Amino acid sequence: MEHLAIMKKSWGLTDKILTGQKKIESRWYSVRYKPWDSIKAGETVYFKDSGGPVRIKAEVSKVMQFTDLTPKRVEQILNEYGDDDGLEKEKIPEFFNRFKNKKYCILIFLKNPQEIKPFNINKAGFGAMSAWITVGDINRIRKLYKK
């Protein structure tokens, strides 16, 4: 499977994947959404900032899933993995406040990140608010990129 992660541009995490500052992509949920139980080592994740083209891809080296989270466990996960998730220490309290009531967390460990020729996507059928799309082949949703 191939995956597309749509990132919040304002968080500024996408470029950290390329520099190696961000080695983990985390997703926090109140209910289970993709890529829960649908991503595994060896698969490819493509990344784009909201409103921009797809421009980065990385390979999945490992996946960890956490259930039945409590605020204490959320804090532990952020403290243990936050640095590799591209979060500065001083921003962890901000992210804790955002995630403290989430019940599920998935950590996707990334390797071999690379910048690729940008392309747009067609999200038709995936929901306008989808932040993660899983497809058999990324070319199924690829569109020409026009600057």
N, C-alpha and C. Protein backbone atom coordinates (compact mmCIF):
# COMPACT_ATOMS: atom_id res chain seq x y z
N MET A 1 0.83 -1.19 0.00
CA MET A 1 0.00 0.00 0.00
C MET A 1 0.88 1.25 0.00
N GLU A 2 0.30 2.31 -0.51
CA GLU A 2 0.95 3.62 -0.46
C GLU A 2 0.02 4.57 0.28
N HIS A 3 0.61 5.53 0.94
CA HIS A 3 -0.15 6.42 1.82
C HIS A 3 0.19 7.87 1.51
N LEU A 4 -0.79 8.73 1.72
CA LEU A 4 -0.57 10.16 1.60
C LEU A 4 -0.94 10.81 2.93
N ALA A 5 0.02 11.50 3.53
CA ALA A 5 -0.20 12.23 4.78
C ALA A 5 -0.31 13.71 4.44
N ILE A 6 -1.42 14.30 4.83
CA ILE A 6 -1.62 15.73 4.61
C ILE A 6 -1.33 16.43 5.94
N MET A 7 -0.36 17.33 5.90
CA MET A 7 0.17 17.96 7.10
C MET A 7 -0.40 19.37 7.27
N LYS A 8 -0.54 19.79 8.52
CA LYS A 8 -0.93 21.17 8.81
C LYS A 8 0.26 22.07 8.51
N LYS A 9 0.11 22.90 7.51
CA LYS A 9 1.22 23.76 7.09
C LYS A 9 1.73 24.63 8.24
N SER A 10 0.82 25.13 9.07
CA SER A 10 1.20 26.04 10.16
C SER A 10 2.11 25.38 11.19
N TRP A 11 2.12 24.05 11.26
CA TRP A 11 2.98 23.38 12.22
C TRP A 11 4.42 23.29 11.73
N GLY A 12 4.64 23.47 10.44
CA GLY A 12 5.99 23.50 9.88
C GLY A 12 6.79 22.21 10.03
N LEU A 13 6.12 21.07 9.99
CA LEU A 13 6.82 19.80 10.22
C LEU A 13 7.30 19.11 8.94
N THR A 14 6.73 19.46 7.80
CA THR A 14 7.06 18.74 6.57
C THR A 14 8.54 18.83 6.22
N ASP A 15 9.10 20.03 6.24
CA ASP A 15 10.51 20.17 5.89
C ASP A 15 11.42 19.45 6.87
N LYS A 16 10.97 19.26 8.10
CA LYS A 16 11.78 18.54 9.09
C LYS A 16 11.96 17.07 8.72
N ILE A 17 11.05 16.54 7.90
CA ILE A 17 11.20 15.16 7.43
C ILE A 17 12.45 15.07 6.55
N LEU A 18 12.59 16.04 5.65
CA LEU A 18 13.74 16.04 4.73
C LEU A 18 15.07 16.23 5.46
N THR A 19 15.08 17.07 6.49
CA THR A 19 16.33 17.35 7.21
C THR A 19 16.69 16.24 8.19
N GLY A 20 15.74 15.33 8.45
CA GLY A 20 16.00 14.26 9.41
C GLY A 20 15.64 14.65 10.84
N GLN A 21 15.16 15.88 11.05
CA GLN A 21 14.72 16.29 12.39
C GLN A 21 13.45 15.56 12.79
N LYS A 22 12.66 15.17 11.81
CA LYS A 22 11.41 14.45 12.06
C LYS A 22 11.55 13.05 11.49
N LYS A 23 11.69 12.07 12.39
CA LYS A 23 11.87 10.67 12.00
C LYS A 23 10.61 9.85 12.23
N ILE A 24 9.61 10.49 12.87
CA ILE A 24 8.35 9.81 13.18
C ILE A 24 7.20 10.72 12.75
N GLU A 25 6.20 10.13 12.13
CA GLU A 25 4.94 10.84 11.89
C GLU A 25 3.93 10.27 12.88
N SER A 26 3.34 11.13 13.70
CA SER A 26 2.35 10.67 14.67
C SER A 26 0.97 11.15 14.25
N ARG A 27 -0.01 10.33 14.57
CA ARG A 27 -1.41 10.69 14.36
C ARG A 27 -2.14 10.36 15.65
N TRP A 28 -2.94 11.30 16.11
CA TRP A 28 -3.66 11.20 17.38
C TRP A 28 -5.16 11.27 17.09
N TYR A 29 -5.92 10.33 17.65
CA TYR A 29 -7.33 10.23 17.33
C TYR A 29 -8.20 9.98 18.56
N SER A 30 -9.44 10.44 18.47
CA SER A 30 -10.45 10.08 19.47
C SER A 30 -11.10 8.75 19.09
N VAL A 31 -11.22 8.50 17.79
CA VAL A 31 -11.68 7.22 17.26
C VAL A 31 -10.66 6.79 16.20
N ARG A 32 -10.63 5.53 15.89
CA ARG A 32 -9.62 5.02 14.95
C ARG A 32 -9.92 5.43 13.51
N TYR A 33 -8.95 6.09 12.91
CA TYR A 33 -9.00 6.47 11.50
C TYR A 33 -7.78 5.89 10.80
N LYS A 34 -7.79 5.96 9.46
CA LYS A 34 -6.59 5.59 8.71
C LYS A 34 -5.44 6.44 9.22
N PRO A 35 -4.28 5.90 9.34
CA PRO A 35 -3.83 4.59 8.85
C PRO A 35 -3.89 3.47 9.89
N TRP A 36 -4.73 3.62 10.92
CA TRP A 36 -4.83 2.61 11.97
C TRP A 36 -5.04 1.23 11.35
N ASP A 37 -4.21 0.27 11.74
CA ASP A 37 -4.27 -1.12 11.26
C ASP A 37 -4.16 -1.25 9.74
N SER A 38 -3.67 -0.20 9.05
CA SER A 38 -3.59 -0.31 7.59
C SER A 38 -2.23 0.14 7.04
N ILE A 39 -1.22 0.24 7.90
CA ILE A 39 0.11 0.63 7.45
C ILE A 39 1.13 -0.29 8.10
N LYS A 40 2.17 -0.63 7.33
CA LYS A 40 3.20 -1.51 7.89
C LYS A 40 4.57 -1.18 7.32
N ALA A 41 5.58 -1.71 7.96
CA ALA A 41 6.96 -1.48 7.53
C ALA A 41 7.12 -1.87 6.06
N GLY A 42 7.92 -1.08 5.35
CA GLY A 42 8.19 -1.33 3.94
C GLY A 42 7.28 -0.55 3.00
N GLU A 43 6.19 0.00 3.52
CA GLU A 43 5.29 0.78 2.68
C GLU A 43 5.82 2.21 2.54
N THR A 44 5.25 2.96 1.62
CA THR A 44 5.70 4.33 1.33
C THR A 44 4.64 5.32 1.78
N VAL A 45 5.11 6.41 2.40
CA VAL A 45 4.24 7.52 2.76
C VAL A 45 4.68 8.74 1.97
N TYR A 46 3.74 9.38 1.29
CA TYR A 46 3.97 10.65 0.60
C TYR A 46 3.44 11.74 1.51
N PHE A 47 4.10 12.89 1.47
CA PHE A 47 3.71 14.01 2.34
C PHE A 47 3.43 15.26 1.54
N LYS A 48 2.43 16.01 2.00
CA LYS A 48 2.14 17.32 1.44
C LYS A 48 1.62 18.21 2.55
N ASP A 49 1.91 19.49 2.44
CA ASP A 49 1.29 20.46 3.33
C ASP A 49 -0.10 20.75 2.80
N SER A 50 -1.03 21.07 3.70
CA SER A 50 -2.38 21.43 3.25
C SER A 50 -2.27 22.59 2.28
N GLY A 51 -2.98 22.50 1.17
CA GLY A 51 -2.97 23.55 0.16
C GLY A 51 -1.80 23.49 -0.81
N GLY A 52 -0.86 22.60 -0.59
CA GLY A 52 0.32 22.51 -1.46
C GLY A 52 0.38 21.17 -2.17
N PRO A 53 1.39 20.99 -3.02
CA PRO A 53 1.55 19.72 -3.73
C PRO A 53 2.24 18.67 -2.88
N VAL A 54 2.13 17.43 -3.29
CA VAL A 54 2.90 16.34 -2.70
C VAL A 54 4.34 16.56 -3.12
N ARG A 55 5.29 16.52 -2.18
CA ARG A 55 6.67 16.78 -2.57
C ARG A 55 7.73 15.98 -1.83
N ILE A 56 7.29 15.10 -0.92
CA ILE A 56 8.23 14.29 -0.14
C ILE A 56 7.69 12.88 -0.07
N LYS A 57 8.60 11.92 -0.06
CA LYS A 57 8.18 10.56 0.24
C LYS A 57 9.21 9.94 1.18
N ALA A 58 8.75 8.96 1.96
CA ALA A 58 9.63 8.26 2.89
C ALA A 58 9.12 6.83 3.03
N GLU A 59 10.01 5.97 3.46
CA GLU A 59 9.66 4.57 3.67
C GLU A 59 9.33 4.37 5.15
N VAL A 60 8.40 3.48 5.42
CA VAL A 60 8.03 3.14 6.79
C VAL A 60 8.98 2.06 7.30
N SER A 61 9.63 2.33 8.44
CA SER A 61 10.53 1.32 9.01
C SER A 61 9.86 0.54 10.15
N LYS A 62 8.90 1.18 10.82
CA LYS A 62 8.23 0.54 11.96
C LYS A 62 6.96 1.31 12.27
N VAL A 63 5.97 0.62 12.84
CA VAL A 63 4.72 1.25 13.25
C VAL A 63 4.41 0.81 14.69
N MET A 64 4.02 1.78 15.52
CA MET A 64 3.57 1.48 16.89
C MET A 64 2.18 2.09 17.06
N GLN A 65 1.27 1.34 17.71
CA GLN A 65 -0.08 1.83 17.95
C GLN A 65 -0.36 1.76 19.45
N PHE A 66 -0.98 2.82 19.97
CA PHE A 66 -1.32 2.91 21.38
C PHE A 66 -2.82 3.11 21.51
N THR A 67 -3.46 2.38 22.42
CA THR A 67 -4.90 2.49 22.63
C THR A 67 -5.19 2.87 24.08
N ASP A 68 -6.44 3.22 24.34
CA ASP A 68 -6.90 3.52 25.70
C ASP A 68 -6.00 4.55 26.39
N LEU A 69 -5.65 5.60 25.65
CA LEU A 69 -4.75 6.61 26.20
C LEU A 69 -5.40 7.40 27.32
N THR A 70 -4.57 7.81 28.26
CA THR A 70 -4.93 8.72 29.33
C THR A 70 -4.05 9.95 29.16
N PRO A 71 -4.40 11.07 29.78
CA PRO A 71 -3.50 12.23 29.68
C PRO A 71 -2.07 11.91 30.11
N LYS A 72 -1.91 11.09 31.15
CA LYS A 72 -0.56 10.73 31.62
C LYS A 72 0.20 9.96 30.53
N ARG A 73 -0.47 9.03 29.89
CA ARG A 73 0.18 8.22 28.83
C ARG A 73 0.49 9.10 27.62
N VAL A 74 -0.40 10.03 27.28
CA VAL A 74 -0.13 10.97 26.18
C VAL A 74 1.14 11.76 26.49
N GLU A 75 1.25 12.23 27.72
CA GLU A 75 2.44 12.98 28.12
C GLU A 75 3.70 12.13 28.01
N GLN A 76 3.62 10.87 28.42
CA GLN A 76 4.77 9.96 28.32
C GLN A 76 5.20 9.74 26.86
N ILE A 77 4.22 9.53 25.99
CA ILE A 77 4.53 9.31 24.56
C ILE A 77 5.18 10.56 23.98
N LEU A 78 4.63 11.73 24.28
CA LEU A 78 5.21 12.98 23.77
C LEU A 78 6.63 13.18 24.30
N ASN A 79 6.84 12.90 25.57
CA ASN A 79 8.19 13.08 26.13
C ASN A 79 9.18 12.07 25.56
N GLU A 80 8.73 10.85 25.31
CA GLU A 80 9.63 9.81 24.78
C GLU A 80 9.90 9.96 23.29
N TYR A 81 8.88 10.32 22.51
CA TYR A 81 9.01 10.32 21.06
C TYR A 81 8.91 11.70 20.42
N GLY A 82 8.60 12.73 21.20
CA GLY A 82 8.38 14.06 20.66
C GLY A 82 9.53 14.61 19.85
N ASP A 83 10.76 14.41 20.33
CA ASP A 83 11.93 14.92 19.62
C ASP A 83 12.02 14.30 18.22
N ASP A 84 11.87 12.98 18.14
CA ASP A 84 11.93 12.30 16.84
C ASP A 84 10.69 12.60 15.99
N ASP A 85 9.65 13.15 16.61
CA ASP A 85 8.44 13.56 15.90
C ASP A 85 8.58 15.01 15.40
N GLY A 86 9.74 15.60 15.63
CA GLY A 86 10.01 16.95 15.13
C GLY A 86 9.52 18.06 16.04
N LEU A 87 9.16 17.72 17.27
CA LEU A 87 8.64 18.72 18.20
C LEU A 87 9.76 19.25 19.11
N GLU A 88 9.87 20.57 19.18
CA GLU A 88 10.84 21.16 20.10
C GLU A 88 10.33 20.95 21.53
N LYS A 89 11.26 20.75 22.46
CA LYS A 89 10.89 20.50 23.86
C LYS A 89 9.91 21.54 24.40
N GLU A 90 10.16 22.81 24.08
CA GLU A 90 9.30 23.86 24.63
C GLU A 90 7.88 23.84 24.03
N LYS A 91 7.70 23.12 22.92
CA LYS A 91 6.36 23.04 22.31
C LYS A 91 5.57 21.82 22.78
N ILE A 92 6.20 20.92 23.51
CA ILE A 92 5.51 19.70 23.96
C ILE A 92 4.28 20.03 24.80
N PRO A 93 4.32 21.01 25.73
CA PRO A 93 3.09 21.33 26.48
C PRO A 93 1.93 21.76 25.56
N GLU A 94 2.24 22.49 24.51
CA GLU A 94 1.21 22.92 23.55
C GLU A 94 0.58 21.70 22.87
N PHE A 95 1.42 20.75 22.46
CA PHE A 95 0.90 19.54 21.81
C PHE A 95 0.19 18.64 22.82
N PHE A 96 0.68 18.62 24.07
CA PHE A 96 -0.02 17.86 25.11
C PHE A 96 -1.44 18.38 25.27
N ASN A 97 -1.60 19.69 25.33
CA ASN A 97 -2.95 20.27 25.45
C ASN A 97 -3.84 19.89 24.28
N ARG A 98 -3.25 19.78 23.10
CA ARG A 98 -4.00 19.43 21.90
C ARG A 98 -4.41 17.95 21.91
N PHE A 99 -3.55 17.09 22.46
CA PHE A 99 -3.76 15.64 22.35
C PHE A 99 -4.17 14.94 23.64
N LYS A 100 -4.22 15.65 24.78
CA LYS A 100 -4.39 15.00 26.08
C LYS A 100 -5.65 14.15 26.20
N ASN A 101 -6.69 14.47 25.45
CA ASN A 101 -7.93 13.70 25.54
C ASN A 101 -8.12 12.70 24.40
N LYS A 102 -7.10 12.52 23.58
CA LYS A 102 -7.18 11.53 22.50
C LYS A 102 -7.06 10.13 23.10
N LYS A 103 -7.68 9.18 22.43
CA LYS A 103 -7.68 7.80 22.92
C LYS A 103 -6.74 6.87 22.16
N TYR A 104 -6.30 7.31 20.96
CA TYR A 104 -5.45 6.47 20.12
C TYR A 104 -4.30 7.28 19.57
N CYS A 105 -3.14 6.63 19.46
CA CYS A 105 -1.98 7.26 18.84
C CYS A 105 -1.29 6.21 17.98
N ILE A 106 -0.88 6.62 16.80
CA ILE A 106 -0.08 5.76 15.93
C ILE A 106 1.21 6.50 15.62
N LEU A 107 2.33 5.81 15.80
CA LEU A 107 3.65 6.36 15.48
C LEU A 107 4.18 5.61 14.27
N ILE A 108 4.51 6.37 13.22
CA ILE A 108 5.03 5.79 11.99
C ILE A 108 6.48 6.24 11.86
N PHE A 109 7.38 5.30 12.00
CA PHE A 109 8.81 5.59 11.94
C PHE A 109 9.23 5.63 10.47
N LEU A 110 9.94 6.70 10.10
CA LEU A 110 10.28 6.96 8.71
C LEU A 110 11.77 6.75 8.45
N LYS A 111 12.08 6.31 7.23
CA LYS A 111 13.48 6.22 6.81
C LYS A 111 13.57 6.60 5.33
N ASN A 112 14.76 6.95 4.91
CA ASN A 112 15.05 7.32 3.52
C ASN A 112 14.12 8.40 2.97
N PRO A 113 13.94 9.51 3.68
CA PRO A 113 13.09 10.57 3.14
C PRO A 113 13.74 11.21 1.92
N GLN A 114 12.94 11.57 0.95
CA GLN A 114 13.49 12.23 -0.24
C GLN A 114 12.48 13.18 -0.84
N GLU A 115 13.02 14.26 -1.39
CA GLU A 115 12.18 15.22 -2.10
C GLU A 115 11.90 14.63 -3.48
N ILE A 116 10.68 14.78 -3.93
CA ILE A 116 10.28 14.24 -5.23
C ILE A 116 9.72 15.37 -6.09
N LYS A 117 9.57 15.08 -7.38
CA LYS A 117 8.96 16.05 -8.27
C LYS A 117 7.52 16.28 -7.79
N PRO A 118 7.15 17.55 -7.51
CA PRO A 118 5.83 17.83 -6.94
C PRO A 118 4.68 17.39 -7.84
N PHE A 119 3.61 16.93 -7.20
CA PHE A 119 2.38 16.63 -7.93
C PHE A 119 1.18 16.91 -7.04
N ASN A 120 0.07 17.20 -7.66
CA ASN A 120 -1.19 17.42 -6.95
C ASN A 120 -1.94 16.11 -6.86
N ILE A 121 -3.00 16.12 -6.07
CA ILE A 121 -3.82 14.91 -5.91
C ILE A 121 -5.28 15.24 -6.12
N ASN A 122 -6.05 14.19 -6.40
CA ASN A 122 -7.50 14.28 -6.50
C ASN A 122 -8.07 13.51 -5.30
N LYS A 123 -8.65 14.25 -4.35
CA LYS A 123 -9.19 13.63 -3.13
C LYS A 123 -10.63 13.16 -3.30
N ALA A 124 -11.18 13.25 -4.49
CA ALA A 124 -12.58 12.85 -4.70
C ALA A 124 -12.80 11.43 -4.19
N GLY A 125 -13.83 11.28 -3.39
CA GLY A 125 -14.16 9.96 -2.86
C GLY A 125 -13.51 9.66 -1.52
N PHE A 126 -12.60 10.53 -1.06
CA PHE A 126 -11.91 10.29 0.21
C PHE A 126 -12.40 11.23 1.31
N GLY A 127 -13.23 12.19 0.96
CA GLY A 127 -13.71 13.16 1.94
C GLY A 127 -12.83 14.40 1.93
N ALA A 128 -13.45 15.54 1.90
CA ALA A 128 -12.72 16.80 1.80
C ALA A 128 -11.79 17.03 2.98
N MET A 129 -12.13 16.47 4.13
CA MET A 129 -11.32 16.71 5.33
C MET A 129 -10.30 15.60 5.59
N SER A 130 -10.18 14.64 4.69
CA SER A 130 -9.23 13.54 4.89
C SER A 130 -7.82 14.08 5.08
N ALA A 131 -7.18 13.64 6.15
CA ALA A 131 -5.79 14.02 6.41
C ALA A 131 -4.85 12.85 6.14
N TRP A 132 -5.42 11.69 5.80
CA TRP A 132 -4.62 10.50 5.49
C TRP A 132 -5.38 9.71 4.45
N ILE A 133 -4.71 9.35 3.39
CA ILE A 133 -5.32 8.55 2.33
C ILE A 133 -4.44 7.33 2.08
N THR A 134 -5.06 6.16 2.02
CA THR A 134 -4.36 4.92 1.73
C THR A 134 -4.87 4.39 0.40
N VAL A 135 -3.95 4.12 -0.52
CA VAL A 135 -4.29 3.60 -1.85
C VAL A 135 -3.31 2.51 -2.23
N GLY A 136 -3.71 1.67 -3.17
CA GLY A 136 -2.81 0.64 -3.65
C GLY A 136 -1.66 1.23 -4.44
N ASP A 137 -1.95 2.32 -5.18
CA ASP A 137 -0.95 2.97 -6.03
C ASP A 137 -1.22 4.47 -6.02
N ILE A 138 -0.23 5.26 -5.64
CA ILE A 138 -0.39 6.71 -5.53
C ILE A 138 -0.82 7.33 -6.87
N ASN A 139 -0.48 6.67 -7.97
CA ASN A 139 -0.85 7.21 -9.29
C ASN A 139 -2.36 7.26 -9.48
N ARG A 140 -3.10 6.51 -8.66
CA ARG A 140 -4.56 6.51 -8.73
C ARG A 140 -5.13 7.89 -8.38
N ILE A 141 -4.43 8.66 -7.54
CA ILE A 141 -4.93 9.97 -7.13
C ILE A 141 -4.04 11.12 -7.61
N ARG A 142 -3.01 10.81 -8.39
CA ARG A 142 -2.07 11.82 -8.87
C ARG A 142 -2.70 12.68 -9.96
N LYS A 143 -2.46 14.00 -9.88
CA LYS A 143 -2.87 14.94 -10.93
C LYS A 143 -1.64 15.71 -11.35
N LEU A 144 -1.70 16.32 -12.51
CA LEU A 144 -0.60 17.16 -12.95
C LEU A 144 -0.42 18.34 -12.00
N TYR A 145 0.82 18.71 -11.80
CA TYR A 145 1.12 19.84 -10.93
C TYR A 145 1.31 21.08 -11.77
N LYS A 146 0.52 22.09 -11.47
CA LYS A 146 0.66 23.38 -12.16
C LYS A 146 0.95 24.43 -11.11
N LYS A 147 2.06 25.13 -11.27
CA LYS A 147 2.45 26.16 -10.30
C LYS A 147 1.52 27.34 -10.37
